[in-house]
């Protein structure tokens, strides 16, 4: 289970670190697909981007969770 972090007496969610990491990975995936020319095969690009972000976030939480 992920636990909150205490910084200066304030409690922060561990998602504060994990969400930007998932966003960076999703953005990198988007750029790679763009440069390879594979984005044209994706029907709904916005939904695909959201799905990739959620999958990366789930994988990161699974890997870094206790």
C-alpha atoms as a PDB file:
ATOM      1  CA  UNK A   1       0.000   0.000   0.000  1.00  0.00           C
ATOM      2  CA  UNK A   2       1.283   3.442  -0.834  1.00  0.00           C
ATOM      3  CA  UNK A   3       1.628   5.838   2.075  1.00  0.00           C
ATOM      4  CA  UNK A   4       1.560   9.605   2.174  1.00  0.00           C
ATOM      5  CA  UNK A   5       4.802  11.557   2.445  1.00  0.00           C
ATOM      6  CA  UNK A   6       5.365  14.160   5.126  1.00  0.00           C
ATOM      7  CA  UNK A   7       7.249  17.234   3.903  1.00  0.00           C
ATOM      8  CA  UNK A   8       7.468  20.118   6.337  1.00  0.00           C
ATOM      9  CA  UNK A   9       4.567  18.777   8.388  1.00  0.00           C
ATOM     10  CA  UNK A  10       2.261  18.594   5.360  1.00  0.00           C
ATOM     11  CA  UNK A  11       1.073  15.264   4.025  1.00  0.00           C
ATOM     12  CA  UNK A  12       1.327  14.649   0.285  1.00  0.00           C
ATOM     13  CA  UNK A  13      -0.105  11.837  -1.765  1.00  0.00           C
ATOM     14  CA  UNK A  14       2.409   9.534  -3.463  1.00  0.00           C
ATOM     15  CA  UNK A  15       0.477  10.198  -6.666  1.00  0.00           C
ATOM     16  CA  UNK A  16       2.069  13.656  -6.603  1.00  0.00           C
ATOM     17  CA  UNK A  17       5.236  11.961  -7.862  1.00  0.00           C
ATOM     18  CA  UNK A  18       3.722   9.086  -9.833  1.00  0.00           C
ATOM     19  CA  UNK A  19       1.307  11.084 -12.026  1.00  0.00           C
ATOM     20  CA  UNK A  20       4.002  13.303 -13.606  1.00  0.00           C
ATOM     21  CA  UNK A  21       6.113  10.208 -14.259  1.00  0.00           C
ATOM     22  CA  UNK A  22       3.202   8.537 -16.057  1.00  0.00           C
ATOM     23  CA  UNK A  23       2.559  11.755 -17.984  1.00  0.00           C
ATOM     24  CA  UNK A  24       6.181  11.911 -19.163  1.00  0.00           C
ATOM     25  CA  UNK A  25       6.028   8.291 -20.326  1.00  0.00           C
ATOM     26  CA  UNK A  26       2.722   8.902 -22.137  1.00  0.00           C
ATOM     27  CA  UNK A  27       4.128  12.008 -23.821  1.00  0.00           C
ATOM     28  CA  UNK A  28       7.221  10.073 -24.900  1.00  0.00           C
ATOM     29  CA  UNK A  29       4.989   7.338 -26.328  1.00  0.00           C
ATOM     30  CA  UNK A  30       2.991   9.956 -28.212  1.00  0.00           C
ATOM     31  CA  UNK A  31       6.158  11.473 -29.703  1.00  0.00           C
ATOM     32  CA  UNK A  32       7.528   8.076 -30.697  1.00  0.00           C
ATOM     33  CA  UNK A  33       4.267   7.135 -32.419  1.00  0.00           C
ATOM     34  CA  UNK A  34       4.259  10.499 -34.202  1.00  0.00           C
ATOM     35  CA  UNK A  35       7.816  10.142 -35.491  1.00  0.00           C
ATOM     36  CA  UNK A  36       7.201   6.559 -36.624  1.00  0.00           C
ATOM     37  CA  UNK A  37       4.051   7.620 -38.459  1.00  0.00           C
ATOM     38  CA  UNK A  38       1.815   5.260 -36.516  1.00  0.00           C
ATOM     39  CA  UNK A  39      -0.586   7.916 -35.170  1.00  0.00           C
ATOM     40  CA  UNK A  40      -2.606   7.806 -38.389  1.00  0.00           C
ATOM     41  CA  UNK A  41      -3.814   4.295 -37.486  1.00  0.00           C
ATOM     42  CA  UNK A  42      -5.358   5.494 -34.211  1.00  0.00           C
ATOM     43  CA  UNK A  43      -9.029   6.328 -34.613  1.00  0.00           C
ATOM     44  CA  UNK A  44      -9.595   8.529 -31.535  1.00  0.00           C
ATOM     45  CA  UNK A  45      -6.255  10.006 -30.551  1.00  0.00           C
ATOM     46  CA  UNK A  46      -7.442  11.740 -27.382  1.00  0.00           C
ATOM     47  CA  UNK A  47      -8.974   8.554 -25.979  1.00  0.00           C
ATOM     48  CA  UNK A  48      -5.838   6.639 -26.902  1.00  0.00           C
ATOM     49  CA  UNK A  49      -3.681   9.177 -25.063  1.00  0.00           C
ATOM     50  CA  UNK A  50      -5.853   8.926 -21.952  1.00  0.00           C
ATOM     51  CA  UNK A  51      -5.784   5.127 -22.087  1.00  0.00           C
ATOM     52  CA  UNK A  52      -1.987   5.061 -22.428  1.00  0.00           C
ATOM     53  CA  UNK A  53      -1.653   7.467 -19.483  1.00  0.00           C
ATOM     54  CA  UNK A  54      -3.942   5.326 -17.297  1.00  0.00           C
ATOM     55  CA  UNK A  55      -2.081   2.143 -18.247  1.00  0.00           C
ATOM     56  CA  UNK A  56       1.277   3.724 -17.435  1.00  0.00           C
ATOM     57  CA  UNK A  57      -0.068   5.070 -14.132  1.00  0.00           C
ATOM     58  CA  UNK A  58      -1.463   1.653 -13.174  1.00  0.00           C
ATOM     59  CA  UNK A  59       1.848  -0.024 -14.048  1.00  0.00           C
ATOM     60  CA  UNK A  60       3.850   2.523 -12.044  1.00  0.00           C
ATOM     61  CA  UNK A  61       1.588   2.196  -9.002  1.00  0.00           C
ATOM     62  CA  UNK A  62       1.838  -1.596  -9.248  1.00  0.00           C
ATOM     63  CA  UNK A  63       5.632  -1.521  -9.530  1.00  0.00           C
ATOM     64  CA  UNK A  64       6.304   1.076  -6.827  1.00  0.00           C
ATOM     65  CA  UNK A  65       3.536  -0.016  -4.444  1.00  0.00           C
ATOM     66  CA  UNK A  66       4.474  -1.994  -1.346  1.00  0.00           C
END
